[in-house]
């Protein structure tokens, strides 16, 4: 059984930084990609960034490009989302997700989801 557990969220002022972690366990060998999505109140879940599990490619949404990066600790099966220059519009629950099928951006294609961690950007 696959489990994804996010951590690292919190309250940060605009311009600040946070690093989120996603600890993956179980049958991770089946993953094609692992990524991050976010969902603000009243909005649909949206793609943020994802990486090929093998680590040879990553894809990022335009609205976070240049500010967010994704990385993977292979030994610990942990994926990180480094968020810099945070804006109030980044406020959302951030979810880690993994998929077995080829692709990166479509939330409906992801097979596994964490429970989310709240990120609030406010002064």
PDB file of N, CA and C in Angstrom:
ATOM      1  N   UNK A   1       0.839  -1.180   0.000  1.00  0.00           N
ATOM      2  CA  UNK A   1       0.000   0.000   0.000  1.00  0.00           C
ATOM      3  C   UNK A   1       0.885   1.245   0.000  1.00  0.00           C
ATOM      4  N   UNK A   2       0.516   2.231  -0.816  1.00  0.00           N
ATOM      5  CA  UNK A   2       1.259   3.472  -0.924  1.00  0.00           C
ATOM      6  C   UNK A   2       0.703   4.489   0.058  1.00  0.00           C
ATOM      7  N   UNK A   3       1.611   5.192   0.708  1.00  0.00           N
ATOM      8  CA  UNK A   3       1.217   6.287   1.578  1.00  0.00           C
ATOM      9  C   UNK A   3       2.094   7.493   1.283  1.00  0.00           C
ATOM     10  N   UNK A   4       1.469   8.654   1.188  1.00  0.00           N
ATOM     11  CA  UNK A   4       2.161   9.917   1.010  1.00  0.00           C
ATOM     12  C   UNK A   4       1.782  10.832   2.163  1.00  0.00           C
ATOM     13  N   UNK A   5       2.778  11.383   2.820  1.00  0.00           N
ATOM     14  CA  UNK A   5       2.540  12.231   3.980  1.00  0.00           C
ATOM     15  C   UNK A   5       3.277  13.543   3.792  1.00  0.00           C
ATOM     16  N   UNK A   6       2.520  14.642   3.744  1.00  0.00           N
ATOM     17  CA  UNK A   6       3.100  15.970   3.592  1.00  0.00           C
ATOM     18  C   UNK A   6       3.369  16.595   4.946  1.00  0.00           C
ATOM     19  N   UNK A   7       4.363  17.469   4.976  1.00  0.00           N
ATOM     20  CA  UNK A   7       4.648  18.248   6.168  1.00  0.00           C
ATOM     21  C   UNK A   7       5.375  19.519   5.764  1.00  0.00           C
ATOM     22  N   UNK A   8       5.466  20.451   6.679  1.00  0.00           N
ATOM     23  CA  UNK A   8       6.241  21.656   6.461  1.00  0.00           C
ATOM     24  C   UNK A   8       5.450  22.917   6.219  1.00  0.00           C
ATOM     25  N   UNK A   9       4.138  22.816   6.155  1.00  0.00           N
ATOM     26  CA  UNK A   9       3.327  23.996   5.939  1.00  0.00           C
ATOM     27  C   UNK A   9       3.300  24.894   7.156  1.00  0.00           C
ATOM     28  N   UNK A  10       2.763  26.085   6.953  1.00  0.00           N
ATOM     29  CA  UNK A  10       2.664  27.031   8.041  1.00  0.00           C
ATOM     30  C   UNK A  10       2.327  28.411   7.551  1.00  0.00           C
ATOM     31  N   UNK A  11       2.484  29.370   8.440  1.00  0.00           N
ATOM     32  CA  UNK A  11       2.219  30.774   8.143  1.00  0.00           C
ATOM     33  C   UNK A  11       3.527  31.477   7.839  1.00  0.00           C
ATOM     34  N   UNK A  12       3.549  32.199   6.734  1.00  0.00           N
ATOM     35  CA  UNK A  12       4.750  32.916   6.325  1.00  0.00           C
ATOM     36  C   UNK A  12       4.344  34.259   5.729  1.00  0.00           C
ATOM     37  N   UNK A  13       5.193  35.250   5.894  1.00  0.00           N
ATOM     38  CA  UNK A  13       4.924  36.564   5.328  1.00  0.00           C
ATOM     39  C   UNK A  13       5.242  36.597   3.841  1.00  0.00           C
ATOM     40  N   UNK A  14       4.589  37.481   3.102  1.00  0.00           N
ATOM     41  CA  UNK A  14       4.930  37.622   1.683  1.00  0.00           C
ATOM     42  C   UNK A  14       6.423  37.845   1.487  1.00  0.00           C
ATOM     43  N   UNK A  15       6.965  37.175   0.487  1.00  0.00           N
ATOM     44  CA  UNK A  15       8.391  37.233   0.229  1.00  0.00           C
ATOM     45  C   UNK A  15       9.197  36.179   0.954  1.00  0.00           C
ATOM     46  N   UNK A  16       8.572  35.474   1.865  1.00  0.00           N
ATOM     47  CA  UNK A  16       9.256  34.457   2.629  1.00  0.00           C
ATOM     48  C   UNK A  16       9.356  33.135   1.898  1.00  0.00           C
ATOM     49  N   UNK A  17       9.900  32.152   2.594  1.00  0.00           N
ATOM     50  CA  UNK A  17      10.133  30.833   2.018  1.00  0.00           C
ATOM     51  C   UNK A  17       9.645  29.737   2.938  1.00  0.00           C
ATOM     52  N   UNK A  18       9.278  28.626   2.339  1.00  0.00           N
ATOM     53  CA  UNK A  18       8.940  27.404   3.053  1.00  0.00           C
ATOM     54  C   UNK A  18       9.446  26.225   2.248  1.00  0.00           C
ATOM     55  N   UNK A  19       9.726  25.150   2.940  1.00  0.00           N
ATOM     56  CA  UNK A  19      10.039  23.895   2.280  1.00  0.00           C
ATOM     57  C   UNK A  19       9.073  22.831   2.766  1.00  0.00           C
ATOM     58  N   UNK A  20       8.331  22.277   1.836  1.00  0.00           N
ATOM     59  CA  UNK A  20       7.416  21.196   2.134  1.00  0.00           C
ATOM     60  C   UNK A  20       8.080  19.857   1.840  1.00  0.00           C
ATOM     61  N   UNK A  21       7.707  18.856   2.619  1.00  0.00           N
ATOM     62  CA  UNK A  21       8.227  17.516   2.431  1.00  0.00           C
ATOM     63  C   UNK A  21       7.088  16.551   2.152  1.00  0.00           C
ATOM     64  N   UNK A  22       7.368  15.572   1.328  1.00  0.00           N
ATOM     65  CA  UNK A  22       6.432  14.490   1.042  1.00  0.00           C
ATOM     66  C   UNK A  22       7.163  13.184   1.233  1.00  0.00           C
ATOM     67  N   UNK A  23       6.800  12.463   2.269  1.00  0.00           N
ATOM     68  CA  UNK A  23       7.414  11.174   2.556  1.00  0.00           C
ATOM     69  C   UNK A  23       6.573  10.072   1.924  1.00  0.00           C
ATOM     70  N   UNK A  24       7.180   9.330   1.024  1.00  0.00           N
ATOM     71  CA  UNK A  24       6.493   8.259   0.317  1.00  0.00           C
ATOM     72  C   UNK A  24       6.904   6.908   0.871  1.00  0.00           C
ATOM     73  N   UNK A  25       5.944   6.027   1.018  1.00  0.00           N
ATOM     74  CA  UNK A  25       6.221   4.676   1.471  1.00  0.00           C
ATOM     75  C   UNK A  25       5.333   3.702   0.720  1.00  0.00           C
ATOM     76  N   UNK A  26       5.709   2.440   0.761  1.00  0.00           N
ATOM     77  CA  UNK A  26       4.967   1.431   0.045  1.00  0.00           C
ATOM     78  C   UNK A  26       5.583   1.132  -1.304  1.00  0.00           C
ATOM     79  N   UNK A  27       4.745   0.835  -2.273  1.00  0.00           N
ATOM     80  CA  UNK A  27       5.197   0.399  -3.582  1.00  0.00           C
ATOM     81  C   UNK A  27       5.545   1.589  -4.475  1.00  0.00           C
ATOM     82  N   UNK A  28       6.586   2.283  -4.085  1.00  0.00           N
ATOM     83  CA  UNK A  28       7.004   3.465  -4.837  1.00  0.00           C
ATOM     84  C   UNK A  28       7.670   3.124  -6.161  1.00  0.00           C
ATOM     85  N   UNK A  29       8.069   1.881  -6.343  1.00  0.00           N
ATOM     86  CA  UNK A  29       8.726   1.485  -7.588  1.00  0.00           C
ATOM     87  C   UNK A  29       7.815   1.601  -8.798  1.00  0.00           C
ATOM     88  N   UNK A  30       6.522   1.671  -8.583  1.00  0.00           N
ATOM     89  CA  UNK A  30       5.574   1.801  -9.683  1.00  0.00           C
ATOM     90  C   UNK A  30       5.356   3.244 -10.134  1.00  0.00           C
ATOM     91  N   UNK A  31       5.916   4.214  -9.420  1.00  0.00           N
ATOM     92  CA  UNK A  31       5.674   5.623  -9.728  1.00  0.00           C
ATOM     93  C   UNK A  31       6.316   6.021 -11.043  1.00  0.00           C
ATOM     94  N   UNK A  32       5.567   6.769 -11.848  1.00  0.00           N
ATOM     95  CA  UNK A  32       6.163   7.475 -12.968  1.00  0.00           C
ATOM     96  C   UNK A  32       6.591   8.882 -12.542  1.00  0.00           C
ATOM     97  N   UNK A  33       5.715   9.576 -11.826  1.00  0.00           N
ATOM     98  CA  UNK A  33       5.999  10.936 -11.406  1.00  0.00           C
ATOM     99  C   UNK A  33       5.396  11.198 -10.041  1.00  0.00           C
ATOM    100  N   UNK A  34       6.015  12.116  -9.330  1.00  0.00           N
ATOM    101  CA  UNK A  34       5.498  12.625  -8.069  1.00  0.00           C
ATOM    102  C   UNK A  34       5.435  14.136  -8.175  1.00  0.00           C
ATOM    103  N   UNK A  35       4.358  14.709  -7.696  1.00  0.00           N
ATOM    104  CA  UNK A  35       4.210  16.143  -7.825  1.00  0.00           C
ATOM    105  C   UNK A  35       3.440  16.770  -6.694  1.00  0.00           C
ATOM    106  N   UNK A  36       3.269  18.064  -6.837  1.00  0.00           N
ATOM    107  CA  UNK A  36       2.541  18.861  -5.867  1.00  0.00           C
ATOM    108  C   UNK A  36       1.392  19.586  -6.547  1.00  0.00           C
ATOM    109  N   UNK A  37       0.257  19.573  -5.889  1.00  0.00           N
ATOM    110  CA  UNK A  37      -0.918  20.323  -6.301  1.00  0.00           C
ATOM    111  C   UNK A  37      -1.347  21.204  -5.135  1.00  0.00           C
ATOM    112  N   UNK A  38      -2.171  22.181  -5.434  1.00  0.00           N
ATOM    113  CA  UNK A  38      -2.680  23.015  -4.360  1.00  0.00           C
ATOM    114  C   UNK A  38      -4.145  23.339  -4.599  1.00  0.00           C
ATOM    115  N   UNK A  39      -4.832  23.612  -3.505  1.00  0.00           N
ATOM    116  CA  UNK A  39      -6.244  23.930  -3.577  1.00  0.00           C
ATOM    117  C   UNK A  39      -6.571  25.014  -2.562  1.00  0.00           C
ATOM    118  N   UNK A  40      -7.024  26.137  -3.073  1.00  0.00           N
ATOM    119  CA  UNK A  40      -7.466  27.237  -2.240  1.00  0.00           C
ATOM    120  C   UNK A  40      -8.966  27.114  -1.998  1.00  0.00           C
ATOM    121  N   UNK A  41      -9.486  27.738  -0.936  1.00  0.00           N
ATOM    122  CA  UNK A  41     -10.929  27.655  -0.671  1.00  0.00           C
ATOM    123  C   UNK A  41     -11.759  28.113  -1.856  1.00  0.00           C
ATOM    124  N   UNK A  42     -12.731  27.311  -2.232  1.00  0.00           N
ATOM    125  CA  UNK A  42     -13.611  27.655  -3.330  1.00  0.00           C
ATOM    126  C   UNK A  42     -13.037  27.441  -4.710  1.00  0.00           C
ATOM    127  N   UNK A  43     -11.829  26.918  -4.806  1.00  0.00           N
ATOM    128  CA  UNK A  43     -11.191  26.713  -6.095  1.00  0.00           C
ATOM    129  C   UNK A  43     -10.918  25.238  -6.341  1.00  0.00           C
ATOM    130  N   UNK A  44     -10.710  24.914  -7.608  1.00  0.00           N
ATOM    131  CA  UNK A  44     -10.336  23.558  -7.971  1.00  0.00           C
ATOM    132  C   UNK A  44      -8.868  23.299  -7.644  1.00  0.00           C
ATOM    133  N   UNK A  45      -8.562  22.053  -7.469  1.00  0.00           N
ATOM    134  CA  UNK A  45      -7.185  21.674  -7.252  1.00  0.00           C
ATOM    135  C   UNK A  45      -6.377  21.937  -8.525  1.00  0.00           C
ATOM    136  N   UNK A  46      -5.211  22.548  -8.374  1.00  0.00           N
ATOM    137  CA  UNK A  46      -4.417  22.910  -9.529  1.00  0.00           C
ATOM    138  C   UNK A  46      -2.993  22.381  -9.424  1.00  0.00           C
ATOM    139  N   UNK A  47      -2.437  22.142 -10.574  1.00  0.00           N
ATOM    140  CA  UNK A  47      -1.069  21.648 -10.673  1.00  0.00           C
ATOM    141  C   UNK A  47      -0.074  22.714 -10.272  1.00  0.00           C
ATOM    142  N   UNK A  48       0.954  22.314  -9.551  1.00  0.00           N
ATOM    143  CA  UNK A  48       2.025  23.220  -9.169  1.00  0.00           C
ATOM    144  C   UNK A  48       3.340  22.810  -9.830  1.00  0.00           C
ATOM    145  N   UNK A  49       3.780  21.604  -9.533  1.00  0.00           N
ATOM    146  CA  UNK A  49       5.075  21.148 -10.022  1.00  0.00           C
ATOM    147  C   UNK A  49       5.148  19.641  -9.860  1.00  0.00           C
ATOM    148  N   UNK A  50       5.898  18.984 -10.718  1.00  0.00           N
ATOM    149  CA  UNK A  50       6.065  17.542 -10.611  1.00  0.00           C
ATOM    150  C   UNK A  50       7.425  17.135 -11.147  1.00  0.00           C
ATOM    151  N   UNK A  51       7.881  15.999 -10.701  1.00  0.00           N
ATOM    152  CA  UNK A  51       9.146  15.442 -11.159  1.00  0.00           C
ATOM    153  C   UNK A  51       8.962  13.985 -11.534  1.00  0.00           C
ATOM    154  N   UNK A  52       9.664  13.578 -12.562  1.00  0.00           N
ATOM    155  CA  UNK A  52       9.758  12.163 -12.874  1.00  0.00           C
ATOM    156  C   UNK A  52      10.401  11.460 -11.685  1.00  0.00           C
ATOM    157  N   UNK A  53       9.862  10.309 -11.308  1.00  0.00           N
ATOM    158  CA  UNK A  53      10.397   9.587 -10.166  1.00  0.00           C
ATOM    159  C   UNK A  53      11.863   9.229 -10.361  1.00  0.00           C
ATOM    160  N   UNK A  54      12.236   8.984 -11.595  1.00  0.00           N
ATOM    161  CA  UNK A  54      13.627   8.699 -11.906  1.00  0.00           C
ATOM    162  C   UNK A  54      14.516   9.926 -11.791  1.00  0.00           C
ATOM    163  N   UNK A  55      13.916  11.100 -11.734  1.00  0.00           N
ATOM    164  CA  UNK A  55      14.658  12.328 -11.527  1.00  0.00           C
ATOM    165  C   UNK A  55      15.233  12.974 -12.766  1.00  0.00           C
ATOM    166  N   UNK A  56      14.815  12.538 -13.934  1.00  0.00           N
ATOM    167  CA  UNK A  56      15.396  13.065 -15.162  1.00  0.00           C
ATOM    168  C   UNK A  56      14.574  14.165 -15.825  1.00  0.00           C
ATOM    169  N   UNK A  57      13.471  14.549 -15.228  1.00  0.00           N
ATOM    170  CA  UNK A  57      12.641  15.610 -15.790  1.00  0.00           C
ATOM    171  C   UNK A  57      11.729  16.181 -14.725  1.00  0.00           C
ATOM    172  N   UNK A  58      11.469  17.464 -14.820  1.00  0.00           N
ATOM    173  CA  UNK A  58      10.478  18.106 -13.975  1.00  0.00           C
ATOM    174  C   UNK A  58       9.679  19.095 -14.802  1.00  0.00           C
ATOM    175  N   UNK A  59       8.458  19.345 -14.361  1.00  0.00           N
ATOM    176  CA  UNK A  59       7.544  20.251 -15.037  1.00  0.00           C
ATOM    177  C   UNK A  59       6.964  21.187 -13.989  1.00  0.00           C
ATOM    178  N   UNK A  60       6.846  22.468 -14.327  1.00  0.00           N
ATOM    179  CA  UNK A  60       6.399  23.459 -13.358  1.00  0.00           C
ATOM    180  C   UNK A  60       5.324  24.350 -13.975  1.00  0.00           C
ATOM    181  N   UNK A  61       4.345  24.720 -13.167  1.00  0.00           N
ATOM    182  CA  UNK A  61       3.317  25.647 -13.618  1.00  0.00           C
ATOM    183  C   UNK A  61       3.894  27.040 -13.798  1.00  0.00           C
ATOM    184  N   UNK A  62       3.349  27.778 -14.756  1.00  0.00           N
ATOM    185  CA  UNK A  62       3.867  29.107 -15.060  1.00  0.00           C
ATOM    186  C   UNK A  62       3.829  30.045 -13.857  1.00  0.00           C
ATOM    187  N   UNK A  63       2.796  29.939 -13.044  1.00  0.00           N
ATOM    188  CA  UNK A  63       2.624  30.904 -11.962  1.00  0.00           C
ATOM    189  C   UNK A  63       3.569  30.696 -10.791  1.00  0.00           C
ATOM    190  N   UNK A  64       4.322  29.614 -10.791  1.00  0.00           N
ATOM    191  CA  UNK A  64       5.332  29.414  -9.755  1.00  0.00           C
ATOM    192  C   UNK A  64       6.731  29.270 -10.332  1.00  0.00           C
ATOM    193  N   UNK A  65       6.844  29.330 -11.632  1.00  0.00           N
ATOM    194  CA  UNK A  65       8.144  29.179 -12.282  1.00  0.00           C
ATOM    195  C   UNK A  65       9.115  30.256 -11.795  1.00  0.00           C
ATOM    196  N   UNK A  66      10.321  29.826 -11.473  1.00  0.00           N
ATOM    197  CA  UNK A  66      11.322  30.731 -10.958  1.00  0.00           C
ATOM    198  C   UNK A  66      11.266  30.931  -9.467  1.00  0.00           C
ATOM    199  N   UNK A  67      10.210  30.458  -8.820  1.00  0.00           N
ATOM    200  CA  UNK A  67      10.062  30.602  -7.372  1.00  0.00           C
ATOM    201  C   UNK A  67      10.041  29.259  -6.653  1.00  0.00           C
ATOM    202  N   UNK A  68       9.457  28.253  -7.288  1.00  0.00           N
ATOM    203  CA  UNK A  68       9.326  26.933  -6.669  1.00  0.00           C
ATOM    204  C   UNK A  68      10.221  25.932  -7.389  1.00  0.00           C
ATOM    205  N   UNK A  69      10.810  25.040  -6.628  1.00  0.00           N
ATOM    206  CA  UNK A  69      11.577  23.946  -7.193  1.00  0.00           C
ATOM    207  C   UNK A  69      11.226  22.648  -6.483  1.00  0.00           C
ATOM    208  N   UNK A  70      11.418  21.547  -7.189  1.00  0.00           N
ATOM    209  CA  UNK A  70      11.138  20.236  -6.631  1.00  0.00           C
ATOM    210  C   UNK A  70      12.417  19.407  -6.654  1.00  0.00           C
ATOM    211  N   UNK A  71      12.591  18.595  -5.640  1.00  0.00           N
ATOM    212  CA  UNK A  71      13.744  17.715  -5.565  1.00  0.00           C
ATOM    213  C   UNK A  71      13.346  16.438  -4.851  1.00  0.00           C
ATOM    214  N   UNK A  72      14.194  15.444  -4.970  1.00  0.00           N
ATOM    215  CA  UNK A  72      13.911  14.154  -4.366  1.00  0.00           C
ATOM    216  C   UNK A  72      15.124  13.635  -3.626  1.00  0.00           C
ATOM    217  N   UNK A  73      14.877  13.151  -2.423  1.00  0.00           N
ATOM    218  CA  UNK A  73      15.874  12.433  -1.654  1.00  0.00           C
ATOM    219  C   UNK A  73      15.646  10.958  -1.938  1.00  0.00           C
ATOM    220  N   UNK A  74      16.437  10.391  -2.832  1.00  0.00           N
ATOM    221  CA  UNK A  74      16.216   9.015  -3.258  1.00  0.00           C
ATOM    222  C   UNK A  74      16.325   8.013  -2.115  1.00  0.00           C
ATOM    223  N   UNK A  75      17.295   8.225  -1.251  1.00  0.00           N
ATOM    224  CA  UNK A  75      17.527   7.279  -0.172  1.00  0.00           C
ATOM    225  C   UNK A  75      16.351   7.207   0.785  1.00  0.00           C
ATOM    226  N   UNK A  76      15.713   8.360   1.021  1.00  0.00           N
ATOM    227  CA  UNK A  76      14.621   8.406   1.979  1.00  0.00           C
ATOM    228  C   UNK A  76      13.233   8.424   1.364  1.00  0.00           C
ATOM    229  N   UNK A  77      13.151   8.352   0.032  1.00  0.00           N
ATOM    230  CA  UNK A  77      11.872   8.421  -0.677  1.00  0.00           C
ATOM    231  C   UNK A  77      11.071   9.646  -0.271  1.00  0.00           C
ATOM    232  N   UNK A  78      11.761  10.745  -0.142  1.00  0.00           N
ATOM    233  CA  UNK A  78      11.143  11.999   0.230  1.00  0.00           C
ATOM    234  C   UNK A  78      11.299  13.008  -0.897  1.00  0.00           C
ATOM    235  N   UNK A  79      10.207  13.659  -1.237  1.00  0.00           N
ATOM    236  CA  UNK A  79      10.186  14.704  -2.246  1.00  0.00           C
ATOM    237  C   UNK A  79       9.980  16.042  -1.547  1.00  0.00           C
ATOM    238  N   UNK A  80      10.705  17.041  -1.996  1.00  0.00           N
ATOM    239  CA  UNK A  80      10.641  18.354  -1.379  1.00  0.00           C
ATOM    240  C   UNK A  80      10.114  19.382  -2.365  1.00  0.00           C
ATOM    241  N   UNK A  81       9.361  20.309  -1.838  1.00  0.00           N
ATOM    242  CA  UNK A  81       8.933  21.479  -2.588  1.00  0.00           C
ATOM    243  C   UNK A  81       9.515  22.700  -1.896  1.00  0.00           C
ATOM    244  N   UNK A  82      10.484  23.322  -2.533  1.00  0.00           N
ATOM    245  CA  UNK A  82      11.066  24.549  -2.015  1.00  0.00           C
ATOM    246  C   UNK A  82      10.309  25.727  -2.607  1.00  0.00           C
ATOM    247  N   UNK A  83       9.727  26.538  -1.750  1.00  0.00           N
ATOM    248  CA  UNK A  83       8.916  27.669  -2.168  1.00  0.00           C
ATOM    249  C   UNK A  83       9.582  28.952  -1.693  1.00  0.00           C
ATOM    250  N   UNK A  84       9.968  29.775  -2.639  1.00  0.00           N
ATOM    251  CA  UNK A  84      10.597  31.057  -2.353  1.00  0.00           C
ATOM    252  C   UNK A  84       9.735  32.189  -2.883  1.00  0.00           C
ATOM    253  N   UNK A  85       9.997  33.386  -2.396  1.00  0.00           N
ATOM    254  CA  UNK A  85       9.276  34.584  -2.838  1.00  0.00           C
ATOM    255  C   UNK A  85       7.771  34.367  -2.804  1.00  0.00           C
ATOM    256  N   UNK A  86       7.289  33.866  -1.697  1.00  0.00           N
ATOM    257  CA  UNK A  86       5.881  33.513  -1.587  1.00  0.00           C
ATOM    258  C   UNK A  86       4.980  34.735  -1.659  1.00  0.00           C
ATOM    259  N   UNK A  87       3.841  34.531  -2.282  1.00  0.00           N
ATOM    260  CA  UNK A  87       2.838  35.571  -2.468  1.00  0.00           C
ATOM    261  C   UNK A  87       1.548  35.165  -1.778  1.00  0.00           C
ATOM    262  N   UNK A  88       0.706  36.140  -1.415  1.00  0.00           N
ATOM    263  CA  UNK A  88      -0.577  35.780  -0.805  1.00  0.00           C
ATOM    264  C   UNK A  88      -1.397  34.819  -1.654  1.00  0.00           C
ATOM    265  N   UNK A  89      -1.308  34.924  -2.968  1.00  0.00           N
ATOM    266  CA  UNK A  89      -2.058  34.034  -3.836  1.00  0.00           C
ATOM    267  C   UNK A  89      -1.540  32.603  -3.842  1.00  0.00           C
ATOM    268  N   UNK A  90      -0.408  32.362  -3.193  1.00  0.00           N
ATOM    269  CA  UNK A  90       0.077  30.998  -3.010  1.00  0.00           C
ATOM    270  C   UNK A  90      -0.618  30.288  -1.856  1.00  0.00           C
ATOM    271  N   UNK A  91      -1.408  31.003  -1.094  1.00  0.00           N
ATOM    272  CA  UNK A  91      -2.108  30.413   0.036  1.00  0.00           C
ATOM    273  C   UNK A  91      -3.042  29.303  -0.426  1.00  0.00           C
ATOM    274  N   UNK A  92      -2.871  28.126   0.135  1.00  0.00           N
ATOM    275  CA  UNK A  92      -3.662  26.966  -0.264  1.00  0.00           C
ATOM    276  C   UNK A  92      -3.256  25.784   0.600  1.00  0.00           C
ATOM    277  N   UNK A  93      -4.031  24.727   0.487  1.00  0.00           N
ATOM    278  CA  UNK A  93      -3.597  23.434   0.984  1.00  0.00           C
ATOM    279  C   UNK A  93      -2.776  22.789  -0.120  1.00  0.00           C
ATOM    280  N   UNK A  94      -1.592  22.363   0.221  1.00  0.00           N
ATOM    281  CA  UNK A  94      -0.691  21.752  -0.746  1.00  0.00           C
ATOM    282  C   UNK A  94      -0.696  20.244  -0.564  1.00  0.00           C
ATOM    283  N   UNK A  95      -0.879  19.534  -1.668  1.00  0.00           N
ATOM    284  CA  UNK A  95      -0.970  18.088  -1.663  1.00  0.00           C
ATOM    285  C   UNK A  95       0.167  17.469  -2.454  1.00  0.00           C
ATOM    286  N   UNK A  96       0.744  16.450  -1.915  1.00  0.00           N
ATOM    287  CA  UNK A  96       1.667  15.603  -2.638  1.00  0.00           C
ATOM    288  C   UNK A  96       0.879  14.501  -3.322  1.00  0.00           C
ATOM    289  N   UNK A  97       1.273  14.150  -4.532  1.00  0.00           N
ATOM    290  CA  UNK A  97       0.580  13.111  -5.279  1.00  0.00           C
ATOM    291  C   UNK A  97       1.559  12.327  -6.132  1.00  0.00           C
ATOM    292  N   UNK A  98       1.195  11.095  -6.451  1.00  0.00           N
ATOM    293  CA  UNK A  98       2.020  10.239  -7.287  1.00  0.00           C
ATOM    294  C   UNK A  98       1.157   9.526  -8.312  1.00  0.00           C
ATOM    295  N   UNK A  99       1.740   9.254  -9.459  1.00  0.00           N
ATOM    296  CA  UNK A  99       1.026   8.569 -10.531  1.00  0.00           C
ATOM    297  C   UNK A  99       1.894   7.487 -11.124  1.00  0.00           C
ATOM    298  N   UNK A 100       1.247   6.468 -11.635  1.00  0.00           N
ATOM    299  CA  UNK A 100       1.931   5.382 -12.314  1.00  0.00           C
ATOM    300  C   UNK A 100       1.950   5.561 -13.826  1.00  0.00           C
ATOM    301  N   UNK A 101       1.036   6.341 -14.348  1.00  0.00           N
ATOM    302  CA  UNK A 101       0.950   6.572 -15.783  1.00  0.00           C
ATOM    303  C   UNK A 101       1.868   7.707 -16.212  1.00  0.00           C
ATOM    304  N   UNK A 102       2.159   7.749 -17.497  1.00  0.00           N
ATOM    305  CA  UNK A 102       3.040   8.772 -18.058  1.00  0.00           C
ATOM    306  C   UNK A 102       2.345  10.118 -18.051  1.00  0.00           C
ATOM    307  N   UNK A 103       3.037  11.133 -17.601  1.00  0.00           N
ATOM    308  CA  UNK A 103       2.486  12.476 -17.570  1.00  0.00           C
ATOM    309  C   UNK A 103       2.809  13.173 -16.272  1.00  0.00           C
ATOM    310  N   UNK A 104       2.375  14.466 -16.204  1.00  0.00           N
ATOM    311  CA  UNK A 104       2.750  15.282 -15.059  1.00  0.00           C
ATOM    312  C   UNK A 104       1.637  16.162 -14.519  1.00  0.00           C
ATOM    313  N   UNK A 105       0.816  16.738 -15.385  1.00  0.00           N
ATOM    314  CA  UNK A 105       0.000  17.878 -15.020  1.00  0.00           C
ATOM    315  C   UNK A 105      -1.425  17.566 -14.599  1.00  0.00           C
ATOM    316  N   UNK A 106      -1.958  16.453 -14.980  1.00  0.00           N
ATOM    317  CA  UNK A 106      -3.392  16.198 -14.801  1.00  0.00           C
ATOM    318  C   UNK A 106      -3.690  15.590 -13.436  1.00  0.00           C
ATOM    319  N   UNK A 107      -4.376  16.320 -12.557  1.00  0.00           N
ATOM    320  CA  UNK A 107      -4.673  15.750 -11.238  1.00  0.00           C
ATOM    321  C   UNK A 107      -5.503  14.479 -11.304  1.00  0.00           C
ATOM    322  N   UNK A 108      -6.370  14.366 -12.308  1.00  0.00           N
ATOM    323  CA  UNK A 108      -7.217  13.186 -12.417  1.00  0.00           C
ATOM    324  C   UNK A 108      -6.436  11.924 -12.734  1.00  0.00           C
ATOM    325  N   UNK A 109      -5.212  12.064 -13.200  1.00  0.00           N
ATOM    326  CA  UNK A 109      -4.401  10.911 -13.573  1.00  0.00           C
ATOM    327  C   UNK A 109      -3.519  10.407 -12.436  1.00  0.00           C
ATOM    328  N   UNK A 110      -3.501  11.127 -11.335  1.00  0.00           N
ATOM    329  CA  UNK A 110      -2.686  10.708 -10.199  1.00  0.00           C
ATOM    330  C   UNK A 110      -3.401   9.640  -9.385  1.00  0.00           C
ATOM    331  N   UNK A 111      -2.641   8.665  -8.955  1.00  0.00           N
ATOM    332  CA  UNK A 111      -3.196   7.497  -8.289  1.00  0.00           C
ATOM    333  C   UNK A 111      -3.211   7.608  -6.770  1.00  0.00           C
ATOM    334  N   UNK A 112      -2.292   8.357  -6.225  1.00  0.00           N
ATOM    335  CA  UNK A 112      -2.124   8.432  -4.783  1.00  0.00           C
ATOM    336  C   UNK A 112      -2.009   9.875  -4.338  1.00  0.00           C
ATOM    337  N   UNK A 113      -2.590  10.159  -3.195  1.00  0.00           N
ATOM    338  CA  UNK A 113      -2.613  11.515  -2.669  1.00  0.00           C
ATOM    339  C   UNK A 113      -2.333  11.529  -1.175  1.00  0.00           C
ATOM    340  N   UNK A 114      -1.610  12.546  -0.744  1.00  0.00           N
ATOM    341  CA  UNK A 114      -1.474  12.800   0.667  1.00  0.00           C
ATOM    342  C   UNK A 114      -2.664  13.573   1.199  1.00  0.00           C
ATOM    343  N   UNK A 115      -2.638  13.864   2.483  1.00  0.00           N
ATOM    344  CA  UNK A 115      -3.750  14.550   3.126  1.00  0.00           C
ATOM    345  C   UNK A 115      -3.643  16.064   3.075  1.00  0.00           C
ATOM    346  N   UNK A 116      -2.505  16.573   2.676  1.00  0.00           N
ATOM    347  CA  UNK A 116      -2.341  18.001   2.495  1.00  0.00           C
ATOM    348  C   UNK A 116      -1.727  18.702   3.694  1.00  0.00           C
ATOM    349  N   UNK A 117      -1.099  19.825   3.413  1.00  0.00           N
ATOM    350  CA  UNK A 117      -0.548  20.677   4.449  1.00  0.00           C
ATOM    351  C   UNK A 117      -0.851  22.129   4.091  1.00  0.00           C
ATOM    352  N   UNK A 118      -1.286  22.885   5.072  1.00  0.00           N
ATOM    353  CA  UNK A 118      -1.731  24.254   4.827  1.00  0.00           C
ATOM    354  C   UNK A 118      -0.548  25.203   4.728  1.00  0.00           C
ATOM    355  N   UNK A 119      -0.564  26.014   3.681  1.00  0.00           N
ATOM    356  CA  UNK A 119       0.388  27.103   3.519  1.00  0.00           C
ATOM    357  C   UNK A 119      -0.403  28.404   3.475  1.00  0.00           C
ATOM    358  N   UNK A 120      -0.087  29.306   4.379  1.00  0.00           N
ATOM    359  CA  UNK A 120      -0.758  30.593   4.435  1.00  0.00           C
ATOM    360  C   UNK A 120       0.284  31.692   4.312  1.00  0.00           C
ATOM    361  N   UNK A 121       0.111  32.550   3.317  1.00  0.00           N
ATOM    362  CA  UNK A 121       1.026  33.657   3.073  1.00  0.00           C
ATOM    363  C   UNK A 121       0.269  34.941   3.367  1.00  0.00           C
ATOM    364  N   UNK A 122       0.641  35.597   4.432  1.00  0.00           N
ATOM    365  CA  UNK A 122      -0.092  36.779   4.876  1.00  0.00           C
ATOM    366  C   UNK A 122       0.795  37.635   5.752  1.00  0.00           C
ATOM    367  N   UNK A 123       0.590  38.941   5.668  1.00  0.00           N
ATOM    368  CA  UNK A 123       1.277  39.878   6.537  1.00  0.00           C
ATOM    369  C   UNK A 123       0.408  40.310   7.706  1.00  0.00           C
TER     370      UNK A 123
END
